[in-house]
């Protein structure tokens, strides 16, 4: 299981990172780059930047 998080709007990113790290789950933080999102520096968290635009991070298809 991979957790996908809307990096532009998720108010509980830090909690997701903490729980996912404890459970050993990979996390993909998806952002269109319009707001600065600091990578947490955890080995299980990957930043994914999509094209700019409204709700662009909401329509990621892996």
PDB file of N, CA and C in Angstrom:
ATOM      1  N   UNK A   1       0.850  -1.167   0.000  1.00  0.00           N
ATOM      2  CA  UNK A   1       0.000   0.000   0.000  1.00  0.00           C
ATOM      3  C   UNK A   1       0.900   1.235   0.000  1.00  0.00           C
ATOM      4  N   UNK A   2       0.558   2.181  -0.841  1.00  0.00           N
ATOM      5  CA  UNK A   2       1.241   3.476  -0.885  1.00  0.00           C
ATOM      6  C   UNK A   2       0.218   4.542  -0.519  1.00  0.00           C
ATOM      7  N   UNK A   3       0.575   5.412   0.397  1.00  0.00           N
ATOM      8  CA  UNK A   3      -0.303   6.515   0.773  1.00  0.00           C
ATOM      9  C   UNK A   3       0.020   7.724  -0.092  1.00  0.00           C
ATOM     10  N   UNK A   4      -0.998   8.294  -0.722  1.00  0.00           N
ATOM     11  CA  UNK A   4      -0.843   9.519  -1.504  1.00  0.00           C
ATOM     12  C   UNK A   4      -1.463  10.661  -0.711  1.00  0.00           C
ATOM     13  N   UNK A   5      -0.711  11.738  -0.548  1.00  0.00           N
ATOM     14  CA  UNK A   5      -1.157  12.883   0.244  1.00  0.00           C
ATOM     15  C   UNK A   5      -1.138  14.120  -0.637  1.00  0.00           C
ATOM     16  N   UNK A   6      -2.219  14.896  -0.584  1.00  0.00           N
ATOM     17  CA  UNK A   6      -2.274  16.170  -1.297  1.00  0.00           C
ATOM     18  C   UNK A   6      -1.390  17.153  -0.536  1.00  0.00           C
ATOM     19  N   UNK A   7      -0.207  17.396  -1.054  1.00  0.00           N
ATOM     20  CA  UNK A   7       0.757  18.250  -0.373  1.00  0.00           C
ATOM     21  C   UNK A   7       0.355  19.703  -0.316  1.00  0.00           C
ATOM     22  N   UNK A   8      -0.565  20.114  -1.180  1.00  0.00           N
ATOM     23  CA  UNK A   8      -0.992  21.512  -1.206  1.00  0.00           C
ATOM     24  C   UNK A   8      -2.087  21.808  -0.188  1.00  0.00           C
ATOM     25  N   UNK A   9      -2.824  20.782   0.261  1.00  0.00           N
ATOM     26  CA  UNK A   9      -3.992  21.078   1.076  1.00  0.00           C
ATOM     27  C   UNK A   9      -4.178  20.199   2.315  1.00  0.00           C
ATOM     28  N   UNK A  10      -3.443  19.137   2.469  1.00  0.00           N
ATOM     29  CA  UNK A  10      -3.673  18.225   3.593  1.00  0.00           C
ATOM     30  C   UNK A  10      -3.237  18.866   4.911  1.00  0.00           C
ATOM     31  N   UNK A  11      -4.173  19.048   5.851  1.00  0.00           N
ATOM     32  CA  UNK A  11      -3.817  19.694   7.115  1.00  0.00           C
ATOM     33  C   UNK A  11      -3.124  18.757   8.112  1.00  0.00           C
ATOM     34  N   UNK A  12      -3.050  17.466   7.801  1.00  0.00           N
ATOM     35  CA  UNK A  12      -2.477  16.500   8.749  1.00  0.00           C
ATOM     36  C   UNK A  12      -1.262  15.777   8.166  1.00  0.00           C
ATOM     37  N   UNK A  13      -0.505  16.470   7.324  1.00  0.00           N
ATOM     38  CA  UNK A  13       0.671  15.844   6.697  1.00  0.00           C
ATOM     39  C   UNK A  13       1.637  15.270   7.723  1.00  0.00           C
ATOM     40  N   UNK A  14       1.965  16.046   8.742  1.00  0.00           N
ATOM     41  CA  UNK A  14       2.946  15.594   9.740  1.00  0.00           C
ATOM     42  C   UNK A  14       2.481  14.322  10.446  1.00  0.00           C
ATOM     43  N   UNK A  15       1.192  14.241  10.751  1.00  0.00           N
ATOM     44  CA  UNK A  15       0.657  13.040  11.392  1.00  0.00           C
ATOM     45  C   UNK A  15       0.736  11.846  10.456  1.00  0.00           C
ATOM     46  N   UNK A  16       0.432  12.070   9.170  1.00  0.00           N
ATOM     47  CA  UNK A  16       0.533  10.999   8.172  1.00  0.00           C
ATOM     48  C   UNK A  16       1.965  10.492   8.100  1.00  0.00           C
ATOM     49  N   UNK A  17       2.936  11.403   8.057  1.00  0.00           N
ATOM     50  CA  UNK A  17       4.343  11.000   7.998  1.00  0.00           C
ATOM     51  C   UNK A  17       4.718  10.161   9.220  1.00  0.00           C
ATOM     52  N   UNK A  18       4.297  10.600  10.381  1.00  0.00           N
ATOM     53  CA  UNK A  18       4.659   9.913  11.625  1.00  0.00           C
ATOM     54  C   UNK A  18       4.072   8.498  11.666  1.00  0.00           C
ATOM     55  N   UNK A  19       2.785   8.371  11.354  1.00  0.00           N
ATOM     56  CA  UNK A  19       2.129   7.062  11.401  1.00  0.00           C
ATOM     57  C   UNK A  19       2.667   6.147  10.302  1.00  0.00           C
ATOM     58  N   UNK A  20       2.845   6.674   9.096  1.00  0.00           N
ATOM     59  CA  UNK A  20       3.357   5.860   7.992  1.00  0.00           C
ATOM     60  C   UNK A  20       4.766   5.363   8.287  1.00  0.00           C
ATOM     61  N   UNK A  21       5.586   6.196   8.884  1.00  0.00           N
ATOM     62  CA  UNK A  21       6.942   5.782   9.241  1.00  0.00           C
ATOM     63  C   UNK A  21       6.900   4.677  10.286  1.00  0.00           C
ATOM     64  N   UNK A  22       6.038   4.831  11.271  1.00  0.00           N
ATOM     65  CA  UNK A  22       5.915   3.807  12.312  1.00  0.00           C
ATOM     66  C   UNK A  22       5.450   2.475  11.728  1.00  0.00           C
ATOM     67  N   UNK A  23       4.550   2.515  10.728  1.00  0.00           N
ATOM     68  CA  UNK A  23       4.017   1.291  10.129  1.00  0.00           C
ATOM     69  C   UNK A  23       4.838   0.797   8.943  1.00  0.00           C
ATOM     70  N   UNK A  24       5.844   1.566   8.542  1.00  0.00           N
ATOM     71  CA  UNK A  24       6.686   1.158   7.417  1.00  0.00           C
ATOM     72  C   UNK A  24       6.020   1.312   6.062  1.00  0.00           C
ATOM     73  N   UNK A  25       5.114   2.269   5.936  1.00  0.00           N
ATOM     74  CA  UNK A  25       4.402   2.489   4.678  1.00  0.00           C
ATOM     75  C   UNK A  25       5.051   3.605   3.869  1.00  0.00           C
ATOM     76  N   UNK A  26       5.131   3.434   2.547  1.00  0.00           N
ATOM     77  CA  UNK A  26       5.638   4.517   1.710  1.00  0.00           C
ATOM     78  C   UNK A  26       4.576   5.602   1.529  1.00  0.00           C
ATOM     79  N   UNK A  27       5.034   6.840   1.438  1.00  0.00           N
ATOM     80  CA  UNK A  27       4.143   7.990   1.263  1.00  0.00           C
ATOM     81  C   UNK A  27       4.615   8.785   0.056  1.00  0.00           C
ATOM     82  N   UNK A  28       3.674   9.192  -0.792  1.00  0.00           N
ATOM     83  CA  UNK A  28       3.957  10.088  -1.907  1.00  0.00           C
ATOM     84  C   UNK A  28       3.207  11.385  -1.634  1.00  0.00           C
ATOM     85  N   UNK A  29       3.930  12.478  -1.515  1.00  0.00           N
ATOM     86  CA  UNK A  29       3.323  13.789  -1.290  1.00  0.00           C
ATOM     87  C   UNK A  29       3.249  14.479  -2.644  1.00  0.00           C
ATOM     88  N   UNK A  30       2.028  14.691  -3.125  1.00  0.00           N
ATOM     89  CA  UNK A  30       1.803  15.244  -4.453  1.00  0.00           C
ATOM     90  C   UNK A  30       1.481  16.728  -4.330  1.00  0.00           C
ATOM     91  N   UNK A  31       2.227  17.545  -5.078  1.00  0.00           N
ATOM     92  CA  UNK A  31       2.064  18.994  -5.001  1.00  0.00           C
ATOM     93  C   UNK A  31       2.255  19.595  -6.386  1.00  0.00           C
ATOM     94  N   UNK A  32       1.564  20.696  -6.638  1.00  0.00           N
ATOM     95  CA  UNK A  32       1.784  21.376  -7.917  1.00  0.00           C
ATOM     96  C   UNK A  32       2.824  22.479  -7.782  1.00  0.00           C
ATOM     97  N   UNK A  33       3.415  22.610  -6.623  1.00  0.00           N
ATOM     98  CA  UNK A  33       4.483  23.574  -6.415  1.00  0.00           C
ATOM     99  C   UNK A  33       4.021  24.990  -6.149  1.00  0.00           C
ATOM    100  N   UNK A  34       2.711  25.216  -6.065  1.00  0.00           N
ATOM    101  CA  UNK A  34       2.213  26.570  -5.833  1.00  0.00           C
ATOM    102  C   UNK A  34       2.461  27.030  -4.396  1.00  0.00           C
ATOM    103  N   UNK A  35       2.561  26.085  -3.479  1.00  0.00           N
ATOM    104  CA  UNK A  35       2.858  26.392  -2.081  1.00  0.00           C
ATOM    105  C   UNK A  35       4.116  25.627  -1.704  1.00  0.00           C
ATOM    106  N   UNK A  36       4.998  26.249  -0.985  1.00  0.00           N
ATOM    107  CA  UNK A  36       6.218  25.529  -0.595  1.00  0.00           C
ATOM    108  C   UNK A  36       5.898  24.389   0.377  1.00  0.00           C
ATOM    109  N   UNK A  37       6.319  23.193   0.006  1.00  0.00           N
ATOM    110  CA  UNK A  37       6.142  22.021   0.858  1.00  0.00           C
ATOM    111  C   UNK A  37       7.531  21.502   1.184  1.00  0.00           C
ATOM    112  N   UNK A  38       7.868  21.505   2.447  1.00  0.00           N
ATOM    113  CA  UNK A  38       9.185  21.045   2.873  1.00  0.00           C
ATOM    114  C   UNK A  38       9.202  19.527   2.961  1.00  0.00           C
ATOM    115  N   UNK A  39      10.105  18.860   2.252  1.00  0.00           N
ATOM    116  CA  UNK A  39      10.210  17.409   2.414  1.00  0.00           C
ATOM    117  C   UNK A  39      10.665  17.088   3.839  1.00  0.00           C
ATOM    118  N   UNK A  40      10.074  16.074   4.451  1.00  0.00           N
ATOM    119  CA  UNK A  40      10.407  15.781   5.838  1.00  0.00           C
ATOM    120  C   UNK A  40      11.758  15.092   6.031  1.00  0.00           C
ATOM    121  N   UNK A  41      12.404  14.662   4.957  1.00  0.00           N
ATOM    122  CA  UNK A  41      13.702  14.006   5.089  1.00  0.00           C
ATOM    123  C   UNK A  41      13.604  12.585   5.614  1.00  0.00           C
ATOM    124  N   UNK A  42      12.471  11.946   5.410  1.00  0.00           N
ATOM    125  CA  UNK A  42      12.278  10.564   5.838  1.00  0.00           C
ATOM    126  C   UNK A  42      12.467   9.636   4.641  1.00  0.00           C
ATOM    127  N   UNK A  43      13.050   8.465   4.844  1.00  0.00           N
ATOM    128  CA  UNK A  43      13.321   7.577   3.710  1.00  0.00           C
ATOM    129  C   UNK A  43      12.071   7.025   3.034  1.00  0.00           C
ATOM    130  N   UNK A  44      10.941   7.008   3.724  1.00  0.00           N
ATOM    131  CA  UNK A  44       9.720   6.455   3.147  1.00  0.00           C
ATOM    132  C   UNK A  44       8.828   7.517   2.498  1.00  0.00           C
ATOM    133  N   UNK A  45       9.257   8.780   2.493  1.00  0.00           N
ATOM    134  CA  UNK A  45       8.440   9.869   1.941  1.00  0.00           C
ATOM    135  C   UNK A  45       9.093  10.406   0.677  1.00  0.00           C
ATOM    136  N   UNK A  46       8.315  10.426  -0.403  1.00  0.00           N
ATOM    137  CA  UNK A  46       8.798  10.922  -1.696  1.00  0.00           C
ATOM    138  C   UNK A  46       7.925  12.090  -2.137  1.00  0.00           C
ATOM    139  N   UNK A  47       8.550  13.140  -2.630  1.00  0.00           N
ATOM    140  CA  UNK A  47       7.817  14.291  -3.146  1.00  0.00           C
ATOM    141  C   UNK A  47       7.561  14.088  -4.635  1.00  0.00           C
ATOM    142  N   UNK A  48       6.333  14.359  -5.076  1.00  0.00           N
ATOM    143  CA  UNK A  48       5.955  14.277  -6.484  1.00  0.00           C
ATOM    144  C   UNK A  48       5.403  15.640  -6.875  1.00  0.00           C
ATOM    145  N   UNK A  49       6.021  16.292  -7.854  1.00  0.00           N
ATOM    146  CA  UNK A  49       5.555  17.603  -8.306  1.00  0.00           C
ATOM    147  C   UNK A  49       4.862  17.421  -9.644  1.00  0.00           C
ATOM    148  N   UNK A  50       3.614  17.890  -9.725  1.00  0.00           N
ATOM    149  CA  UNK A  50       2.826  17.805 -10.952  1.00  0.00           C
ATOM    150  C   UNK A  50       2.730  19.191 -11.579  1.00  0.00           C
ATOM    151  N   UNK A  51       2.156  19.262 -12.764  1.00  0.00           N
ATOM    152  CA  UNK A  51       2.008  20.537 -13.464  1.00  0.00           C
ATOM    153  C   UNK A  51       1.185  21.510 -12.629  1.00  0.00           C
ATOM    154  N   UNK A  52       1.492  22.783 -12.771  1.00  0.00           N
ATOM    155  CA  UNK A  52       0.755  23.818 -12.047  1.00  0.00           C
ATOM    156  C   UNK A  52      -0.670  23.899 -12.561  1.00  0.00           C
ATOM    157  N   UNK A  53      -1.560  24.268 -11.692  1.00  0.00           N
ATOM    158  CA  UNK A  53      -2.956  24.441 -12.071  1.00  0.00           C
ATOM    159  C   UNK A  53      -3.860  24.073 -10.916  1.00  0.00           C
ATOM    160  N   UNK A  54      -5.081  24.597 -10.946  1.00  0.00           N
ATOM    161  CA  UNK A  54      -6.019  24.309  -9.867  1.00  0.00           C
ATOM    162  C   UNK A  54      -6.304  22.809  -9.785  1.00  0.00           C
ATOM    163  N   UNK A  55      -6.198  22.252  -8.610  1.00  0.00           N
ATOM    164  CA  UNK A  55      -6.501  20.841  -8.346  1.00  0.00           C
ATOM    165  C   UNK A  55      -5.645  19.859  -9.134  1.00  0.00           C
ATOM    166  N   UNK A  56      -4.517  20.290  -9.666  1.00  0.00           N
ATOM    167  CA  UNK A  56      -3.658  19.383 -10.438  1.00  0.00           C
ATOM    168  C   UNK A  56      -3.163  18.230  -9.576  1.00  0.00           C
ATOM    169  N   UNK A  57      -2.910  18.482  -8.316  1.00  0.00           N
ATOM    170  CA  UNK A  57      -2.427  17.423  -7.422  1.00  0.00           C
ATOM    171  C   UNK A  57      -3.526  16.437  -7.057  1.00  0.00           C
ATOM    172  N   UNK A  58      -4.776  16.767  -7.363  1.00  0.00           N
ATOM    173  CA  UNK A  58      -5.892  15.891  -7.019  1.00  0.00           C
ATOM    174  C   UNK A  58      -6.142  14.814  -8.065  1.00  0.00           C
ATOM    175  N   UNK A  59      -5.469  14.876  -9.194  1.00  0.00           N
ATOM    176  CA  UNK A  59      -5.756  13.955 -10.292  1.00  0.00           C
ATOM    177  C   UNK A  59      -4.528  13.185 -10.738  1.00  0.00           C
ATOM    178  N   UNK A  60      -3.750  12.713  -9.798  1.00  0.00           N
ATOM    179  CA  UNK A  60      -2.554  11.927 -10.109  1.00  0.00           C
ATOM    180  C   UNK A  60      -2.963  10.495 -10.424  1.00  0.00           C
ATOM    181  N   UNK A  61      -2.484   9.977 -11.512  1.00  0.00           N
ATOM    182  CA  UNK A  61      -2.709   8.573 -11.862  1.00  0.00           C
ATOM    183  C   UNK A  61      -1.352   7.889 -11.929  1.00  0.00           C
ATOM    184  N   UNK A  62      -1.042   7.006 -10.955  1.00  0.00           N
ATOM    185  CA  UNK A  62       0.279   6.353 -10.952  1.00  0.00           C
ATOM    186  C   UNK A  62       0.448   5.402 -12.115  1.00  0.00           C
TER     187      UNK A  62
END
